[in-house]
Amino acid sequence: MSGFFASPYSVPIVVVAIVVGLPVISSTIKSIAKIRYADNGREKEREAAHRSEIDELRRRIENLETIVLDLERKVR
């Protein structure tokens, strides 16, 4: 490794690597963050949809319970 830094081209190579590498790394991190944020939003939408479906099912069950209780009263 010390042979690399002894070369007259080592400093420009390191500078170019940093100048090119930092934007690539930062854009990669930014892209990953966007993907995770978008996935989180979709997950919240799915949870909201599931909650509304569960609430609808609860309402329907309550209606069926009312119908069954009314029928039992009529049969007695």
PDB file of N, CA and C in Angstrom:
ATOM      1  N   MET A   1       0.825  -1.184   0.000  1.00  0.00           N
ATOM      2  CA  MET A   1       0.000   0.000   0.000  1.00  0.00           C
ATOM      3  C   MET A   1       0.872   1.252   0.000  1.00  0.00           C
ATOM      4  N   SER A   2       2.015   1.185   0.648  1.00  0.00           N
ATOM      5  CA  SER A   2       2.880   2.365   0.674  1.00  0.00           C
ATOM      6  C   SER A   2       3.425   2.669  -0.717  1.00  0.00           C
ATOM      7  N   GLY A   3       3.504   1.656  -1.595  1.00  0.00           N
ATOM      8  CA  GLY A   3       3.947   1.885  -2.961  1.00  0.00           C
ATOM      9  C   GLY A   3       2.942   2.725  -3.736  1.00  0.00           C
ATOM     10  N   PHE A   4       1.659   2.557  -3.446  1.00  0.00           N
ATOM     11  CA  PHE A   4       0.636   3.332  -4.123  1.00  0.00           C
ATOM     12  C   PHE A   4       0.740   4.812  -3.775  1.00  0.00           C
ATOM     13  N   PHE A   5       0.944   5.099  -2.495  1.00  0.00           N
ATOM     14  CA  PHE A   5       1.007   6.497  -2.076  1.00  0.00           C
ATOM     15  C   PHE A   5       2.324   7.169  -2.464  1.00  0.00           C
ATOM     16  N   ALA A   6       3.295   6.383  -2.817  1.00  0.00           N
ATOM     17  CA  ALA A   6       4.572   6.949  -3.263  1.00  0.00           C
ATOM     18  C   ALA A   6       4.488   7.394  -4.724  1.00  0.00           C
ATOM     19  N   SER A   7       3.492   6.913  -5.444  1.00  0.00           N
ATOM     20  CA  SER A   7       3.333   7.264  -6.853  1.00  0.00           C
ATOM     21  C   SER A   7       2.913   8.727  -6.986  1.00  0.00           C
ATOM     22  N   PRO A   8       3.344   9.417  -8.025  1.00  0.00           N
ATOM     23  CA  PRO A   8       2.943  10.825  -8.201  1.00  0.00           C
ATOM     24  C   PRO A   8       1.467  10.961  -8.585  1.00  0.00           C
ATOM     25  N   TYR A   9       0.844   9.876  -9.021  1.00  0.00           N
ATOM     26  CA  TYR A   9      -0.563   9.915  -9.409  1.00  0.00           C
ATOM     27  C   TYR A   9      -1.504   9.541  -8.270  1.00  0.00           C
ATOM     28  N   SER A  10      -0.973   9.210  -7.120  1.00  0.00           N
ATOM     29  CA  SER A  10      -1.811   8.716  -6.028  1.00  0.00           C
ATOM     30  C   SER A  10      -2.749   9.798  -5.492  1.00  0.00           C
ATOM     31  N   VAL A  11      -2.278  11.022  -5.343  1.00  0.00           N
ATOM     32  CA  VAL A  11      -3.125  12.090  -4.806  1.00  0.00           C
ATOM     33  C   VAL A  11      -4.270  12.409  -5.769  1.00  0.00           C
ATOM     34  N   PRO A  12      -4.034  12.587  -7.072  1.00  0.00           N
ATOM     35  CA  PRO A  12      -5.180  12.837  -7.972  1.00  0.00           C
ATOM     36  C   PRO A  12      -6.163  11.667  -8.012  1.00  0.00           C
ATOM     37  N   ILE A  13      -5.664  10.453  -7.935  1.00  0.00           N
ATOM     38  CA  ILE A  13      -6.555   9.283  -7.934  1.00  0.00           C
ATOM     39  C   ILE A  13      -7.432   9.294  -6.693  1.00  0.00           C
ATOM     40  N   VAL A  14      -6.857   9.589  -5.546  1.00  0.00           N
ATOM     41  CA  VAL A  14      -7.626   9.639  -4.302  1.00  0.00           C
ATOM     42  C   VAL A  14      -8.647  10.769  -4.358  1.00  0.00           C
ATOM     43  N   VAL A  15      -8.248  11.923  -4.877  1.00  0.00           N
ATOM     44  CA  VAL A  15      -9.163  13.060  -4.984  1.00  0.00           C
ATOM     45  C   VAL A  15     -10.327  12.718  -5.908  1.00  0.00           C
ATOM     46  N   VAL A  16     -10.037  12.127  -7.049  1.00  0.00           N
ATOM     47  CA  VAL A  16     -11.099  11.742  -7.991  1.00  0.00           C
ATOM     48  C   VAL A  16     -12.006  10.692  -7.354  1.00  0.00           C
ATOM     49  N   ALA A  17     -11.430   9.744  -6.659  1.00  0.00           N
ATOM     50  CA  ALA A  17     -12.236   8.712  -5.999  1.00  0.00           C
ATOM     51  C   ALA A  17     -13.184   9.339  -4.976  1.00  0.00           C
ATOM     52  N   ILE A  18     -12.703  10.312  -4.230  1.00  0.00           N
ATOM     53  CA  ILE A  18     -13.553  10.978  -3.239  1.00  0.00           C
ATOM     54  C   ILE A  18     -14.609  11.823  -3.938  1.00  0.00           C
ATOM     55  N   VAL A  19     -14.208  12.583  -4.951  1.00  0.00           N
ATOM     56  CA  VAL A  19     -15.152  13.464  -5.653  1.00  0.00           C
ATOM     57  C   VAL A  19     -16.249  12.652  -6.348  1.00  0.00           C
ATOM     58  N   VAL A  20     -15.911  11.510  -6.889  1.00  0.00           N
ATOM     59  CA  VAL A  20     -16.904  10.675  -7.563  1.00  0.00           C
ATOM     60  C   VAL A  20     -17.636   9.793  -6.556  1.00  0.00           C
ATOM     61  N   GLY A  21     -16.933   9.293  -5.577  1.00  0.00           N
ATOM     62  CA  GLY A  21     -17.506   8.334  -4.630  1.00  0.00           C
ATOM     63  C   GLY A  21     -18.531   8.935  -3.689  1.00  0.00           C
ATOM     64  N   LEU A  22     -18.282  10.120  -3.176  1.00  0.00           N
ATOM     65  CA  LEU A  22     -19.215  10.729  -2.224  1.00  0.00           C
ATOM     66  C   LEU A  22     -20.597  10.977  -2.825  1.00  0.00           C
ATOM     67  N   PRO A  23     -20.701  11.560  -4.025  1.00  0.00           N
ATOM     68  CA  PRO A  23     -22.037  11.723  -4.598  1.00  0.00           C
ATOM     69  C   PRO A  23     -22.740  10.388  -4.874  1.00  0.00           C
ATOM     70  N   VAL A  24     -21.983   9.390  -5.297  1.00  0.00           N
ATOM     71  CA  VAL A  24     -22.582   8.078  -5.558  1.00  0.00           C
ATOM     72  C   VAL A  24     -23.115   7.479  -4.264  1.00  0.00           C
ATOM     73  N   ILE A  25     -22.339   7.546  -3.214  1.00  0.00           N
ATOM     74  CA  ILE A  25     -22.764   6.998  -1.928  1.00  0.00           C
ATOM     75  C   ILE A  25     -23.959   7.776  -1.387  1.00  0.00           C
ATOM     76  N   SER A  26     -23.912   9.098  -1.468  1.00  0.00           N
ATOM     77  CA  SER A  26     -25.014   9.899  -0.930  1.00  0.00           C
ATOM     78  C   SER A  26     -26.290   9.698  -1.737  1.00  0.00           C
ATOM     79  N   SER A  27     -26.188   9.581  -3.058  1.00  0.00           N
ATOM     80  CA  SER A  27     -27.399   9.343  -3.857  1.00  0.00           C
ATOM     81  C   SER A  27     -27.962   7.956  -3.595  1.00  0.00           C
ATOM     82  N   THR A  28     -27.098   6.992  -3.335  1.00  0.00           N
ATOM     83  CA  THR A  28     -27.566   5.647  -2.992  1.00  0.00           C
ATOM     84  C   THR A  28     -28.321   5.667  -1.672  1.00  0.00           C
ATOM     85  N   ILE A  29     -27.782   6.350  -0.694  1.00  0.00           N
ATOM     86  CA  ILE A  29     -28.450   6.454   0.608  1.00  0.00           C
ATOM     87  C   ILE A  29     -29.772   7.190   0.461  1.00  0.00           C
ATOM     88  N   LYS A  30     -29.793   8.242  -0.343  1.00  0.00           N
ATOM     89  CA  LYS A  30     -31.018   9.006  -0.578  1.00  0.00           C
ATOM     90  C   LYS A  30     -32.075   8.132  -1.255  1.00  0.00           C
ATOM     91  N   SER A  31     -31.662   7.334  -2.236  1.00  0.00           N
ATOM     92  CA  SER A  31     -32.597   6.444  -2.926  1.00  0.00           C
ATOM     93  C   SER A  31     -33.168   5.400  -1.984  1.00  0.00           C
ATOM     94  N   ILE A  32     -32.336   4.839  -1.139  1.00  0.00           N
ATOM     95  CA  ILE A  32     -32.805   3.846  -0.170  1.00  0.00           C
ATOM     96  C   ILE A  32     -33.800   4.477   0.791  1.00  0.00           C
ATOM     97  N   ALA A  33     -33.520   5.687   1.235  1.00  0.00           N
ATOM     98  CA  ALA A  33     -34.432   6.373   2.148  1.00  0.00           C
ATOM     99  C   ALA A  33     -35.776   6.639   1.474  1.00  0.00           C
ATOM    100  N   LYS A  34     -35.766   7.046   0.199  1.00  0.00           N
ATOM    101  CA  LYS A  34     -37.016   7.283  -0.525  1.00  0.00           C
ATOM    102  C   LYS A  34     -37.830   6.004  -0.654  1.00  0.00           C
ATOM    103  N   ILE A  35     -37.158   4.906  -0.967  1.00  0.00           N
ATOM    104  CA  ILE A  35     -37.846   3.626  -1.115  1.00  0.00           C
ATOM    105  C   ILE A  35     -38.484   3.213   0.204  1.00  0.00           C
ATOM    106  N   ARG A  36     -37.745   3.347   1.280  1.00  0.00           N
ATOM    107  CA  ARG A  36     -38.303   2.973   2.594  1.00  0.00           C
ATOM    108  C   ARG A  36     -39.465   3.868   2.979  1.00  0.00           C
ATOM    109  N   TYR A  37     -39.359   5.158   2.677  1.00  0.00           N
ATOM    110  CA  TYR A  37     -40.441   6.086   3.005  1.00  0.00           C
ATOM    111  C   TYR A  37     -41.684   5.751   2.186  1.00  0.00           C
ATOM    112  N   ALA A  38     -41.502   5.437   0.902  1.00  0.00           N
ATOM    113  CA  ALA A  38     -42.635   5.076   0.045  1.00  0.00           C
ATOM    114  C   ALA A  38     -43.274   3.784   0.525  1.00  0.00           C
ATOM    115  N   ASP A  39     -42.460   2.801   0.914  1.00  0.00           N
ATOM    116  CA  ASP A  39     -42.995   1.545   1.436  1.00  0.00           C
ATOM    117  C   ASP A  39     -43.776   1.782   2.707  1.00  0.00           C
ATOM    118  N   ASN A  40     -43.295   2.693   3.542  1.00  0.00           N
ATOM    119  CA  ASN A  40     -43.982   3.007   4.791  1.00  0.00           C
ATOM    120  C   ASN A  40     -45.348   3.619   4.501  1.00  0.00           C
ATOM    121  N   GLY A  41     -45.418   4.486   3.506  1.00  0.00           N
ATOM    122  CA  GLY A  41     -46.690   5.104   3.126  1.00  0.00           C
ATOM    123  C   GLY A  41     -47.680   4.074   2.609  1.00  0.00           C
ATOM    124  N   ARG A  42     -47.199   3.155   1.792  1.00  0.00           N
ATOM    125  CA  ARG A  42     -48.078   2.103   1.274  1.00  0.00           C
ATOM    126  C   ARG A  42     -48.559   1.204   2.393  1.00  0.00           C
ATOM    127  N   GLU A  43     -47.681   0.941   3.343  1.00  0.00           N
ATOM    128  CA  GLU A  43     -48.062   0.091   4.476  1.00  0.00           C
ATOM    129  C   GLU A  43     -49.157   0.761   5.301  1.00  0.00           C
ATOM    130  N   LYS A  44     -49.051   2.063   5.503  1.00  0.00           N
ATOM    131  CA  LYS A  44     -50.078   2.782   6.251  1.00  0.00           C
ATOM    132  C   LYS A  44     -51.403   2.765   5.504  1.00  0.00           C
ATOM    133  N   GLU A  45     -51.350   2.884   4.172  1.00  0.00           N
ATOM    134  CA  GLU A  45     -52.579   2.817   3.371  1.00  0.00           C
ATOM    135  C   GLU A  45     -53.232   1.446   3.501  1.00  0.00           C
ATOM    136  N   ARG A  46     -52.417   0.387   3.470  1.00  0.00           N
ATOM    137  CA  ARG A  46     -52.960  -0.970   3.623  1.00  0.00           C
ATOM    138  C   ARG A  46     -53.577  -1.157   5.000  1.00  0.00           C
ATOM    139  N   GLU A  47     -52.903  -0.649   6.026  1.00  0.00           N
ATOM    140  CA  GLU A  47     -53.448  -0.766   7.382  1.00  0.00           C
ATOM    141  C   GLU A  47     -54.782  -0.043   7.499  1.00  0.00           C
ATOM    142  N   ALA A  48     -54.880   1.139   6.909  1.00  0.00           N
ATOM    143  CA  ALA A  48     -56.135   1.893   6.944  1.00  0.00           C
ATOM    144  C   ALA A  48     -57.235   1.133   6.209  1.00  0.00           C
ATOM    145  N   ALA A  49     -56.899   0.534   5.077  1.00  0.00           N
ATOM    146  CA  ALA A  49     -57.886  -0.247   4.325  1.00  0.00           C
ATOM    147  C   ALA A  49     -58.336  -1.454   5.135  1.00  0.00           C
ATOM    148  N   HIS A  50     -57.408  -2.121   5.790  1.00  0.00           N
ATOM    149  CA  HIS A  50     -57.767  -3.274   6.613  1.00  0.00           C
ATOM    150  C   HIS A  50     -58.646  -2.862   7.787  1.00  0.00           C
ATOM    151  N   ARG A  51     -58.323  -1.737   8.392  1.00  0.00           N
ATOM    152  CA  ARG A  51     -59.149  -1.262   9.512  1.00  0.00           C
ATOM    153  C   ARG A  51     -60.575  -0.971   9.058  1.00  0.00           C
ATOM    154  N   SER A  52     -60.715  -0.339   7.910  1.00  0.00           N
ATOM    155  CA  SER A  52     -62.062  -0.026   7.425  1.00  0.00           C
ATOM    156  C   SER A  52     -62.819  -1.310   7.090  1.00  0.00           C
ATOM    157  N   GLU A  53     -62.133  -2.297   6.532  1.00  0.00           N
ATOM    158  CA  GLU A  53     -62.779  -3.577   6.243  1.00  0.00           C
ATOM    159  C   GLU A  53     -63.200  -4.280   7.529  1.00  0.00           C
ATOM    160  N   ILE A  54     -62.355  -4.222   8.541  1.00  0.00           N
ATOM    161  CA  ILE A  54     -62.690  -4.843   9.832  1.00  0.00           C
ATOM    162  C   ILE A  54     -63.881  -4.132  10.458  1.00  0.00           C
ATOM    163  N   ASP A  55     -63.905  -2.813  10.394  1.00  0.00           N
ATOM    164  CA  ASP A  55     -65.041  -2.064  10.933  1.00  0.00           C
ATOM    165  C   ASP A  55     -66.330  -2.425  10.213  1.00  0.00           C
ATOM    166  N   GLU A  56     -66.253  -2.587   8.895  1.00  0.00           N
ATOM    167  CA  GLU A  56     -67.423  -2.984   8.103  1.00  0.00           C
ATOM    168  C   GLU A  56     -67.887  -4.380   8.512  1.00  0.00           C
ATOM    169  N   LEU A  57     -66.946  -5.300   8.698  1.00  0.00           N
ATOM    170  CA  LEU A  57     -67.317  -6.648   9.136  1.00  0.00           C
ATOM    171  C   LEU A  57     -67.952  -6.635  10.524  1.00  0.00           C
ATOM    172  N   ARG A  58     -67.435  -5.819  11.415  1.00  0.00           N
ATOM    173  CA  ARG A  58     -68.028  -5.701  12.761  1.00  0.00           C
ATOM    174  C   ARG A  58     -69.464  -5.186  12.668  1.00  0.00           C
ATOM    175  N   ARG A  59     -69.683  -4.198  11.823  1.00  0.00           N
ATOM    176  CA  ARG A  59     -71.024  -3.658  11.653  1.00  0.00           C
ATOM    177  C   ARG A  59     -71.972  -4.733  11.125  1.00  0.00           C
ATOM    178  N   ARG A  60     -71.504  -5.502  10.159  1.00  0.00           N
ATOM    179  CA  ARG A  60     -72.344  -6.556   9.584  1.00  0.00           C
ATOM    180  C   ARG A  60     -72.641  -7.640  10.617  1.00  0.00           C
ATOM    181  N   ILE A  61     -71.662  -7.979  11.434  1.00  0.00           N
ATOM    182  CA  ILE A  61     -71.872  -8.986  12.481  1.00  0.00           C
ATOM    183  C   ILE A  61     -72.900  -8.486  13.489  1.00  0.00           C
ATOM    184  N   GLU A  62     -72.786  -7.227  13.863  1.00  0.00           N
ATOM    185  CA  GLU A  62     -73.773  -6.662  14.796  1.00  0.00           C
ATOM    186  C   GLU A  62     -75.174  -6.703  14.201  1.00  0.00           C
ATOM    187  N   ASN A  63     -75.284  -6.402  12.913  1.00  0.00           N
ATOM    188  CA  ASN A  63     -76.587  -6.473  12.251  1.00  0.00           C
ATOM    189  C   ASN A  63     -77.122  -7.902  12.253  1.00  0.00           C
ATOM    190  N   LEU A  64     -76.254  -8.864  11.973  1.00  0.00           N
ATOM    191  CA  LEU A  64     -76.688 -10.266  11.992  1.00  0.00           C
ATOM    192  C   LEU A  64     -77.098 -10.701  13.392  1.00  0.00           C
ATOM    193  N   GLU A  65     -76.366 -10.252  14.405  1.00  0.00           N
ATOM    194  CA  GLU A  65     -76.740 -10.580  15.787  1.00  0.00           C
ATOM    195  C   GLU A  65     -78.122 -10.021  16.110  1.00  0.00           C
ATOM    196  N   THR A  66     -78.386  -8.818  15.663  1.00  0.00           N
ATOM    197  CA  THR A  66     -79.698  -8.201  15.898  1.00  0.00           C
ATOM    198  C   THR A  66     -80.790  -9.010  15.213  1.00  0.00           C
ATOM    199  N   ILE A  67     -80.552  -9.434  13.985  1.00  0.00           N
ATOM    200  CA  ILE A  67     -81.538 -10.227  13.260  1.00  0.00           C
ATOM    201  C   ILE A  67     -81.790 -11.550  13.972  1.00  0.00           C
ATOM    202  N   VAL A  68     -80.731 -12.217  14.407  1.00  0.00           N
ATOM    203  CA  VAL A  68     -80.875 -13.500  15.096  1.00  0.00           C
ATOM    204  C   VAL A  68     -81.640 -13.318  16.399  1.00  0.00           C
ATOM    205  N   LEU A  69     -81.324 -12.287  17.162  1.00  0.00           N
ATOM    206  CA  LEU A  69     -82.032 -12.052  18.424  1.00  0.00           C
ATOM    207  C   LEU A  69     -83.513 -11.760  18.181  1.00  0.00           C
ATOM    208  N   ASP A  70     -83.813 -11.001  17.133  1.00  0.00           N
ATOM    209  CA  ASP A  70     -85.218 -10.721  16.797  1.00  0.00           C
ATOM    210  C   ASP A  70     -85.943 -12.005  16.405  1.00  0.00           C
ATOM    211  N   LEU A  71     -85.279 -12.852  15.639  1.00  0.00           N
ATOM    212  CA  LEU A  71     -85.904 -14.123  15.243  1.00  0.00           C
ATOM    213  C   LEU A  71     -86.142 -15.031  16.446  1.00  0.00           C
ATOM    214  N   GLU A  72     -85.189 -15.043  17.377  1.00  0.00           N
ATOM    215  CA  GLU A  72     -85.353 -15.873  18.582  1.00  0.00           C
ATOM    216  C   GLU A  72     -86.537 -15.373  19.407  1.00  0.00           C
ATOM    217  N   ARG A  73     -86.710 -14.081  19.498  1.00  0.00           N
ATOM    218  CA  ARG A  73     -87.831 -13.524  20.265  1.00  0.00           C
ATOM    219  C   ARG A  73     -89.172 -13.896  19.613  1.00  0.00           C
ATOM    220  N   LYS A  74     -89.196 -13.882  18.287  1.00  0.00           N
ATOM    221  CA  LYS A  74     -90.426 -14.207  17.586  1.00  0.00           C
ATOM    222  C   LYS A  74     -90.782 -15.689  17.714  1.00  0.00           C
ATOM    223  N   VAL A  75     -89.757 -16.531  17.782  1.00  0.00           N
ATOM    224  CA  VAL A  75     -89.994 -17.967  17.878  1.00  0.00           C
ATOM    225  C   VAL A  75     -90.501 -18.323  19.268  1.00  0.00           C
ATOM    226  N   ARG A  76     -90.126 -17.643  20.285  1.00  0.00           N
ATOM    227  CA  ARG A  76     -90.539 -17.954  21.658  1.00  0.00           C
ATOM    228  C   ARG A  76     -91.934 -17.611  21.860  1.00  0.00           C
TER     229      ARG A  76
END
